Amino acid sequence: MSYIGNQPVLASSYFTDSFDVTSATQSVFNSSGIGDEESLYVFRNGVRLGTADFSIGSDNATITLTNAAVSGDIVVVSGFRDVVQGVQVTEHVEEIIATASTTVTHSTPSMLNHSNHVYLNGVRQQLTGANSTTPDVTINASTGVITFASTLAAGDIVTIVSREQSVSDDISQVSHYSALPNSFTVPQGVNQSFFGPTTYEGTVTVAGNLVHAHGALNLTGTMSVSGSLNVV
């Protein structure tokens, strides 16, 4: 059982909703989460809005923008749902310096089976399955290939954030170890990080930089490091 002091840890589940505006103007957006100004984040074209720029309806899920979004805008609502017992998230972050191509390859495809965010030079990209028929990015979770609708420029920075969430109603089951069964390589010049308790079961080769934070690093496979490994 996890404790802070003598109290059981309670954690919140995280959600993100993305909306492509196709009408001339749109002010109202219905999110899948429930929250208030303290637990909701609203972004318009990658820029976070202040609490004066939007209001939340009595259902705690309807977002109304003070200044309406216009056609072509992307509005993202994210935040934390009601506090629940036994929620823990393992997060993997990979940063790739692109070549002049439409694709990049995620080094750990198994993480792409979970919740993903893809950023291009710091701007979050629209993914397949969201409210758009013309996504910026499509993901092949089997191969790890991420395909962009437009050709990347050499030197563009692509950041992939993958979150794996395990939910339990029983606080005694809070201790959750995420298993990474696949072998993978952190190439030279690439930065990767894992957050939360993680078991590395395959062969891990670290030629770049690997950071493991906020949880136990469990190794049942093999790991070779010619770059850098930091456990914090």
C-alpha atoms as a PDB file:
ATOM      1  CA  MET A   1       0.000   0.000   0.000  1.00  0.00           C
ATOM      2  CA  SER A   2       1.279   3.479  -0.883  1.00  0.00           C
ATOM      3  CA  TYR A   3       1.398   6.148   1.779  1.00  0.00           C
ATOM      4  CA  ILE A   4       2.198   9.827   2.101  1.00  0.00           C
ATOM      5  CA  GLY A   5       2.903  10.124   5.780  1.00  0.00           C
ATOM      6  CA  ASN A   6       0.270   7.896   7.353  1.00  0.00           C
ATOM      7  CA  GLN A   7      -2.438   8.465   4.734  1.00  0.00           C
ATOM      8  CA  PRO A   8      -3.194   6.270   1.706  1.00  0.00           C
ATOM      9  CA  VAL A   9      -2.360   7.848  -1.620  1.00  0.00           C
ATOM     10  CA  LEU A  10      -5.294   8.837  -3.833  1.00  0.00           C
ATOM     11  CA  ALA A  11      -4.620   9.727  -7.458  1.00  0.00           C
ATOM     12  CA  SER A  12      -6.630  11.237 -10.314  1.00  0.00           C
ATOM     13  CA  SER A  13      -7.198   9.768 -13.758  1.00  0.00           C
ATOM     14  CA  TYR A  14      -6.067  12.004 -16.630  1.00  0.00           C
ATOM     15  CA  PHE A  15      -8.005  12.838 -19.802  1.00  0.00           C
ATOM     16  CA  THR A  16      -7.417  14.826 -23.003  1.00  0.00           C
ATOM     17  CA  ASP A  17      -9.992  15.860 -25.617  1.00  0.00           C
ATOM     18  CA  SER A  18      -9.011  17.524 -28.888  1.00  0.00           C
ATOM     19  CA  PHE A  19     -11.418  19.444 -31.146  1.00  0.00           C
ATOM     20  CA  ASP A  20     -10.830  20.627 -34.717  1.00  0.00           C
ATOM     21  CA  VAL A  21     -13.032  23.641 -35.421  1.00  0.00           C
ATOM     22  CA  THR A  22     -14.666  23.295 -38.838  1.00  0.00           C
ATOM     23  CA  SER A  23     -17.506  25.835 -38.513  1.00  0.00           C
ATOM     24  CA  ALA A  24     -17.012  29.583 -38.949  1.00  0.00           C
ATOM     25  CA  THR A  25     -16.974  30.027 -35.164  1.00  0.00           C
ATOM     26  CA  GLN A  26     -17.391  27.751 -32.157  1.00  0.00           C
ATOM     27  CA  SER A  27     -17.515  28.720 -28.499  1.00  0.00           C
ATOM     28  CA  VAL A  28     -18.850  25.629 -26.718  1.00  0.00           C
ATOM     29  CA  PHE A  29     -16.943  22.353 -26.338  1.00  0.00           C
ATOM     30  CA  ASN A  30     -18.067  19.272 -24.389  1.00  0.00           C
ATOM     31  CA  SER A  31     -15.207  17.473 -22.662  1.00  0.00           C
ATOM     32  CA  SER A  32     -15.192  13.864 -21.471  1.00  0.00           C
ATOM     33  CA  GLY A  33     -13.812  14.837 -18.074  1.00  0.00           C
ATOM     34  CA  ILE A  34     -15.199  16.626 -15.070  1.00  0.00           C
ATOM     35  CA  GLY A  35     -13.338  19.410 -13.338  1.00  0.00           C
ATOM     36  CA  ASP A  36     -13.037  23.092 -12.489  1.00  0.00           C
ATOM     37  CA  GLU A  37     -10.551  25.856 -13.283  1.00  0.00           C
ATOM     38  CA  GLU A  38      -8.111  24.256 -10.863  1.00  0.00           C
ATOM     39  CA  SER A  39      -8.068  20.875 -12.621  1.00  0.00           C
ATOM     40  CA  LEU A  40      -8.834  21.682 -16.278  1.00  0.00           C
ATOM     41  CA  TYR A  41      -6.407  23.012 -18.884  1.00  0.00           C
ATOM     42  CA  VAL A  42      -7.669  24.543 -22.113  1.00  0.00           C
ATOM     43  CA  PHE A  43      -5.385  25.147 -25.106  1.00  0.00           C
ATOM     44  CA  ARG A  44      -6.120  26.985 -28.359  1.00  0.00           C
ATOM     45  CA  ASN A  45      -3.660  26.237 -31.148  1.00  0.00           C
ATOM     46  CA  GLY A  46      -1.132  25.046 -28.575  1.00  0.00           C
ATOM     47  CA  VAL A  47      -1.412  28.122 -26.332  1.00  0.00           C
ATOM     48  CA  ARG A  48      -2.830  27.594 -22.854  1.00  0.00           C
ATOM     49  CA  LEU A  49      -5.785  29.867 -22.047  1.00  0.00           C
ATOM     50  CA  GLY A  50      -6.133  31.685 -18.755  1.00  0.00           C
ATOM     51  CA  THR A  51      -9.202  31.188 -16.567  1.00  0.00           C
ATOM     52  CA  ALA A  52     -10.585  34.530 -17.814  1.00  0.00           C
ATOM     53  CA  ASP A  53     -10.585  33.131 -21.356  1.00  0.00           C
ATOM     54  CA  PHE A  54     -13.097  30.334 -20.711  1.00  0.00           C
ATOM     55  CA  SER A  55     -15.869  29.293 -18.341  1.00  0.00           C
ATOM     56  CA  ILE A  56     -17.105  25.893 -17.171  1.00  0.00           C
ATOM     57  CA  GLY A  57     -20.795  24.950 -17.119  1.00  0.00           C
ATOM     58  CA  SER A  58     -22.736  23.632 -14.154  1.00  0.00           C
ATOM     59  CA  ASP A  59     -22.067  20.075 -15.368  1.00  0.00           C
ATOM     60  CA  ASN A  60     -18.312  20.727 -14.882  1.00  0.00           C
ATOM     61  CA  ALA A  61     -17.661  19.409 -18.403  1.00  0.00           C
ATOM     62  CA  THR A  62     -18.990  22.044 -20.830  1.00  0.00           C
ATOM     63  CA  ILE A  63     -16.322  24.587 -21.799  1.00  0.00           C
ATOM     64  CA  THR A  64     -17.311  27.981 -23.220  1.00  0.00           C
ATOM     65  CA  LEU A  65     -14.599  30.206 -24.680  1.00  0.00           C
ATOM     66  CA  THR A  66     -14.788  33.943 -24.014  1.00  0.00           C
ATOM     67  CA  ASN A  67     -13.587  34.595 -27.574  1.00  0.00           C
ATOM     68  CA  ALA A  68     -14.937  32.044 -30.038  1.00  0.00           C
ATOM     69  CA  ALA A  69     -12.565  29.772 -31.906  1.00  0.00           C
ATOM     70  CA  VAL A  70     -12.641  30.060 -35.695  1.00  0.00           C
ATOM     71  CA  SER A  71     -12.431  27.542 -38.508  1.00  0.00           C
ATOM     72  CA  GLY A  72      -9.058  25.801 -38.516  1.00  0.00           C
ATOM     73  CA  ASP A  73      -8.386  26.311 -34.810  1.00  0.00           C
ATOM     74  CA  ILE A  74      -7.532  23.313 -32.621  1.00  0.00           C
ATOM     75  CA  VAL A  75      -8.903  23.399 -29.078  1.00  0.00           C
ATOM     76  CA  VAL A  76      -7.593  20.895 -26.538  1.00  0.00           C
ATOM     77  CA  VAL A  77      -9.142  20.278 -23.115  1.00  0.00           C
ATOM     78  CA  SER A  78      -7.191  18.189 -20.618  1.00  0.00           C
ATOM     79  CA  GLY A  79      -7.188  17.659 -16.899  1.00  0.00           C
ATOM     80  CA  PHE A  80      -7.903  15.320 -14.036  1.00  0.00           C
ATOM     81  CA  ARG A  81     -11.149  13.530 -13.279  1.00  0.00           C
ATOM     82  CA  ASP A  82     -12.456  12.975  -9.781  1.00  0.00           C
ATOM     83  CA  VAL A  83      -9.964  11.521  -7.333  1.00  0.00           C
ATOM     84  CA  VAL A  84     -10.105   7.706  -7.299  1.00  0.00           C
ATOM     85  CA  GLN A  85      -8.266   4.960  -5.505  1.00  0.00           C
ATOM     86  CA  GLY A  86      -5.542   2.913  -7.064  1.00  0.00           C
ATOM     87  CA  VAL A  87      -4.618   4.897 -10.187  1.00  0.00           C
ATOM     88  CA  GLN A  88      -1.010   4.936 -11.308  1.00  0.00           C
ATOM     89  CA  VAL A  89       0.461   6.004 -14.620  1.00  0.00           C
ATOM     90  CA  THR A  90       3.696   4.987 -16.305  1.00  0.00           C
ATOM     91  CA  GLU A  91       4.856   7.627 -18.755  1.00  0.00           C
ATOM     92  CA  HIS A  92       7.405   7.286 -21.524  1.00  0.00           C
ATOM     93  CA  VAL A  93       8.791  10.351 -23.310  1.00  0.00           C
ATOM     94  CA  GLU A  94      10.899  10.119 -26.462  1.00  0.00           C
ATOM     95  CA  GLU A  95      12.432  13.015 -28.356  1.00  0.00           C
ATOM     96  CA  ILE A  96      13.478  12.495 -31.990  1.00  0.00           C
ATOM     97  CA  ILE A  97      15.339  14.890 -34.274  1.00  0.00           C
ATOM     98  CA  ALA A  98      13.667  14.422 -37.647  1.00  0.00           C
ATOM     99  CA  THR A  99      15.085  14.134 -41.130  1.00  0.00           C
ATOM    100  CA  ALA A 100      13.305  15.452 -44.235  1.00  0.00           C
ATOM    101  CA  SER A 101      10.647  12.723 -44.223  1.00  0.00           C
ATOM    102  CA  THR A 102       7.004  12.127 -43.353  1.00  0.00           C
ATOM    103  CA  THR A 103       7.778   9.441 -40.759  1.00  0.00           C
ATOM    104  CA  VAL A 104       9.637   8.839 -37.523  1.00  0.00           C
ATOM    105  CA  THR A 105       9.907   5.555 -35.619  1.00  0.00           C
ATOM    106  CA  HIS A 106       9.173   5.167 -31.926  1.00  0.00           C
ATOM    107  CA  SER A 107      11.788   2.913 -30.332  1.00  0.00           C
ATOM    108  CA  THR A 108       9.291   1.229 -27.977  1.00  0.00           C
ATOM    109  CA  PRO A 109       6.190   0.311 -30.034  1.00  0.00           C
ATOM    110  CA  SER A 110       4.567  -1.489 -27.087  1.00  0.00           C
ATOM    111  CA  MET A 111       3.962   1.871 -25.402  1.00  0.00           C
ATOM    112  CA  LEU A 112       1.971   3.066 -28.433  1.00  0.00           C
ATOM    113  CA  ASN A 113      -0.881   0.746 -27.445  1.00  0.00           C
ATOM    114  CA  HIS A 114      -1.734   3.251 -24.707  1.00  0.00           C
ATOM    115  CA  SER A 115      -2.617   6.957 -24.580  1.00  0.00           C
ATOM    116  CA  ASN A 116      -0.322   9.027 -26.800  1.00  0.00           C
ATOM    117  CA  HIS A 117       0.501  12.650 -27.480  1.00  0.00           C
ATOM    118  CA  VAL A 118       2.701  13.716 -30.381  1.00  0.00           C
ATOM    119  CA  TYR A 119       4.299  17.166 -30.517  1.00  0.00           C
ATOM    120  CA  LEU A 120       6.096  18.808 -33.441  1.00  0.00           C
ATOM    121  CA  ASN A 121       8.453  21.551 -32.286  1.00  0.00           C
ATOM    122  CA  GLY A 122       6.368  21.857 -29.117  1.00  0.00           C
ATOM    123  CA  VAL A 123       2.934  21.993 -30.833  1.00  0.00           C
ATOM    124  CA  ARG A 124       0.575  19.112 -30.114  1.00  0.00           C
ATOM    125  CA  GLN A 125      -0.548  17.268 -33.255  1.00  0.00           C
ATOM    126  CA  GLN A 126      -4.053  16.023 -34.040  1.00  0.00           C
ATOM    127  CA  LEU A 127      -4.219  12.215 -33.919  1.00  0.00           C
ATOM    128  CA  THR A 128      -6.307   9.636 -35.754  1.00  0.00           C
ATOM    129  CA  GLY A 129      -9.626   8.978 -34.041  1.00  0.00           C
ATOM    130  CA  ALA A 130     -10.063  12.466 -32.617  1.00  0.00           C
ATOM    131  CA  ASN A 131     -12.590  14.989 -33.911  1.00  0.00           C
ATOM    132  CA  SER A 132     -11.041  15.329 -37.352  1.00  0.00           C
ATOM    133  CA  THR A 133     -11.132  13.641 -40.736  1.00  0.00           C
ATOM    134  CA  THR A 134      -7.705  15.048 -41.624  1.00  0.00           C
ATOM    135  CA  PRO A 135      -5.382  14.197 -38.708  1.00  0.00           C
ATOM    136  CA  ASP A 136      -1.894  15.644 -38.526  1.00  0.00           C
ATOM    137  CA  VAL A 137      -0.452  12.298 -37.432  1.00  0.00           C
ATOM    138  CA  THR A 138      -1.274   8.597 -37.692  1.00  0.00           C
ATOM    139  CA  ILE A 139       0.320   5.914 -35.507  1.00  0.00           C
ATOM    140  CA  ASN A 140       1.067   2.278 -36.279  1.00  0.00           C
ATOM    141  CA  ALA A 141       1.319   0.698 -32.847  1.00  0.00           C
ATOM    142  CA  SER A 142       2.645  -2.577 -34.287  1.00  0.00           C
ATOM    143  CA  THR A 143       5.689  -1.102 -36.033  1.00  0.00           C
ATOM    144  CA  GLY A 144       6.178   2.101 -34.042  1.00  0.00           C
ATOM    145  CA  VAL A 145       6.028   4.187 -37.232  1.00  0.00           C
ATOM    146  CA  ILE A 146       4.440   7.618 -36.805  1.00  0.00           C
ATOM    147  CA  THR A 147       3.388   9.240 -40.083  1.00  0.00           C
ATOM    148  CA  PHE A 148       2.852  12.979 -40.500  1.00  0.00           C
ATOM    149  CA  ALA A 149       0.444  14.460 -43.046  1.00  0.00           C
ATOM    150  CA  SER A 150       3.104  16.972 -44.103  1.00  0.00           C
ATOM    151  CA  THR A 151       6.804  16.390 -44.703  1.00  0.00           C
ATOM    152  CA  LEU A 152       9.012  17.171 -41.727  1.00  0.00           C
ATOM    153  CA  ALA A 153      11.991  19.455 -42.108  1.00  0.00           C
ATOM    154  CA  ALA A 154      15.441  18.212 -41.151  1.00  0.00           C
ATOM    155  CA  GLY A 155      16.062  19.269 -37.576  1.00  0.00           C
ATOM    156  CA  ASP A 156      12.398  19.326 -36.523  1.00  0.00           C
ATOM    157  CA  ILE A 157      11.915  17.973 -33.000  1.00  0.00           C
ATOM    158  CA  VAL A 158       9.242  15.309 -32.587  1.00  0.00           C
ATOM    159  CA  THR A 159       8.247  14.442 -29.003  1.00  0.00           C
ATOM    160  CA  ILE A 160       6.108  11.384 -28.241  1.00  0.00           C
ATOM    161  CA  VAL A 161       4.506  11.077 -24.804  1.00  0.00           C
ATOM    162  CA  SER A 162       2.929   7.681 -24.075  1.00  0.00           C
ATOM    163  CA  ARG A 163       1.031   6.971 -20.878  1.00  0.00           C
ATOM    164  CA  GLU A 164       0.031   3.561 -19.568  1.00  0.00           C
ATOM    165  CA  GLN A 165      -2.598   3.663 -16.844  1.00  0.00           C
ATOM    166  CA  SER A 166      -3.588   0.898 -14.455  1.00  0.00           C
ATOM    167  CA  VAL A 167      -6.784   1.427 -12.477  1.00  0.00           C
ATOM    168  CA  SER A 168      -7.930  -0.468  -9.411  1.00  0.00           C
ATOM    169  CA  ASP A 169     -10.741   0.162  -6.944  1.00  0.00           C
ATOM    170  CA  ASP A 170      -8.730  -1.588  -4.236  1.00  0.00           C
ATOM    171  CA  ILE A 171      -6.138   0.623  -2.580  1.00  0.00           C
ATOM    172  CA  SER A 172      -4.099  -2.506  -1.749  1.00  0.00           C
ATOM    173  CA  GLN A 173      -3.452  -2.916  -5.474  1.00  0.00           C
ATOM    174  CA  VAL A 174      -1.847   0.504  -5.943  1.00  0.00           C
ATOM    175  CA  SER A 175       1.600  -1.081  -6.407  1.00  0.00           C
ATOM    176  CA  HIS A 176       1.605  -1.592 -10.166  1.00  0.00           C
ATOM    177  CA  TYR A 177       4.609  -2.561 -12.276  1.00  0.00           C
ATOM    178  CA  SER A 178       4.465  -1.771 -15.958  1.00  0.00           C
ATOM    179  CA  ALA A 179       6.199  -4.445 -18.045  1.00  0.00           C
ATOM    180  CA  LEU A 180       8.101  -3.594 -21.217  1.00  0.00           C
ATOM    181  CA  PRO A 181       8.513  -6.985 -22.892  1.00  0.00           C
ATOM    182  CA  ASN A 182      10.067  -5.744 -26.144  1.00  0.00           C
ATOM    183  CA  SER A 183      13.755  -5.147 -26.723  1.00  0.00           C
ATOM    184  CA  PHE A 184      14.606  -1.617 -27.750  1.00  0.00           C
ATOM    185  CA  THR A 185      17.512   0.731 -28.391  1.00  0.00           C
ATOM    186  CA  VAL A 186      17.947   4.345 -27.362  1.00  0.00           C
ATOM    187  CA  PRO A 187      19.989   5.659 -30.319  1.00  0.00           C
ATOM    188  CA  GLN A 188      22.829   8.091 -29.923  1.00  0.00           C
ATOM    189  CA  GLY A 189      21.485  11.652 -29.765  1.00  0.00           C
ATOM    190  CA  VAL A 190      18.022  10.540 -28.596  1.00  0.00           C
ATOM    191  CA  ASN A 191      16.600  11.316 -25.123  1.00  0.00           C
ATOM    192  CA  GLN A 192      14.080   8.922 -23.575  1.00  0.00           C
ATOM    193  CA  SER A 193      12.493   8.797 -20.144  1.00  0.00           C
ATOM    194  CA  PHE A 194      10.206   6.462 -18.222  1.00  0.00           C
ATOM    195  CA  PHE A 195       8.137   7.499 -15.208  1.00  0.00           C
ATOM    196  CA  GLY A 196       6.751   5.135 -12.614  1.00  0.00           C
ATOM    197  CA  PRO A 197       7.579   1.542 -11.635  1.00  0.00           C
ATOM    198  CA  THR A 198       8.720  -0.270 -14.771  1.00  0.00           C
ATOM    199  CA  THR A 199      10.054  -3.747 -15.491  1.00  0.00           C
ATOM    200  CA  TYR A 200      12.414  -4.004 -18.465  1.00  0.00           C
ATOM    201  CA  GLU A 201      12.073  -7.580 -19.742  1.00  0.00           C
ATOM    202  CA  GLY A 202      13.876  -7.445 -23.097  1.00  0.00           C
ATOM    203  CA  THR A 203      17.341  -6.393 -24.218  1.00  0.00           C
ATOM    204  CA  VAL A 204      17.849  -2.657 -23.722  1.00  0.00           C
ATOM    205  CA  THR A 205      20.724  -0.907 -25.472  1.00  0.00           C
ATOM    206  CA  VAL A 206      21.384   2.671 -24.373  1.00  0.00           C
ATOM    207  CA  ALA A 207      23.583   4.622 -26.772  1.00  0.00           C
ATOM    208  CA  GLY A 208      21.784   7.912 -26.116  1.00  0.00           C
ATOM    209  CA  ASN A 209      20.281   9.197 -22.854  1.00  0.00           C
ATOM    210  CA  LEU A 210      17.787   7.210 -20.759  1.00  0.00           C
ATOM    211  CA  VAL A 211      16.152   8.602 -17.609  1.00  0.00           C
ATOM    212  CA  HIS A 212      14.044   6.495 -15.225  1.00  0.00           C
ATOM    213  CA  ALA A 213      12.192   8.568 -12.624  1.00  0.00           C
ATOM    214  CA  HIS A 214       9.637   8.289  -9.820  1.00  0.00           C
ATOM    215  CA  GLY A 215       9.525   4.532  -9.429  1.00  0.00           C
ATOM    216  CA  ALA A 216      11.502   1.319  -9.214  1.00  0.00           C
ATOM    217  CA  LEU A 217      13.585   0.213 -12.194  1.00  0.00           C
ATOM    218  CA  ASN A 218      13.269  -3.561 -12.421  1.00  0.00           C
ATOM    219  CA  LEU A 219      15.477  -5.411 -14.890  1.00  0.00           C
ATOM    220  CA  THR A 220      14.683  -9.014 -15.808  1.00  0.00           C
ATOM    221  CA  GLY A 221      16.287  -8.788 -19.264  1.00  0.00           C
ATOM    222  CA  THR A 222      19.669  -7.267 -20.081  1.00  0.00           C
ATOM    223  CA  MET A 223      20.803  -3.664 -20.413  1.00  0.00           C
ATOM    224  CA  SER A 224      23.982  -2.310 -21.977  1.00  0.00           C
ATOM    225  CA  VAL A 225      24.873   1.364 -21.629  1.00  0.00           C
ATOM    226  CA  SER A 226      27.379   3.205 -23.777  1.00  0.00           C
ATOM    227  CA  GLY A 227      25.515   6.515 -23.441  1.00  0.00           C
ATOM    228  CA  SER A 228      24.015   7.662 -20.137  1.00  0.00           C
ATOM    229  CA  LEU A 229      21.482   6.161 -17.709  1.00  0.00           C
ATOM    230  CA  ASN A 230      20.041   8.255 -14.886  1.00  0.00           C
ATOM    231  CA  VAL A 231      17.734   6.815 -12.232  1.00  0.00           C
ATOM    232  CA  VAL A 232      16.139   9.511 -10.095  1.00  0.00           C
END
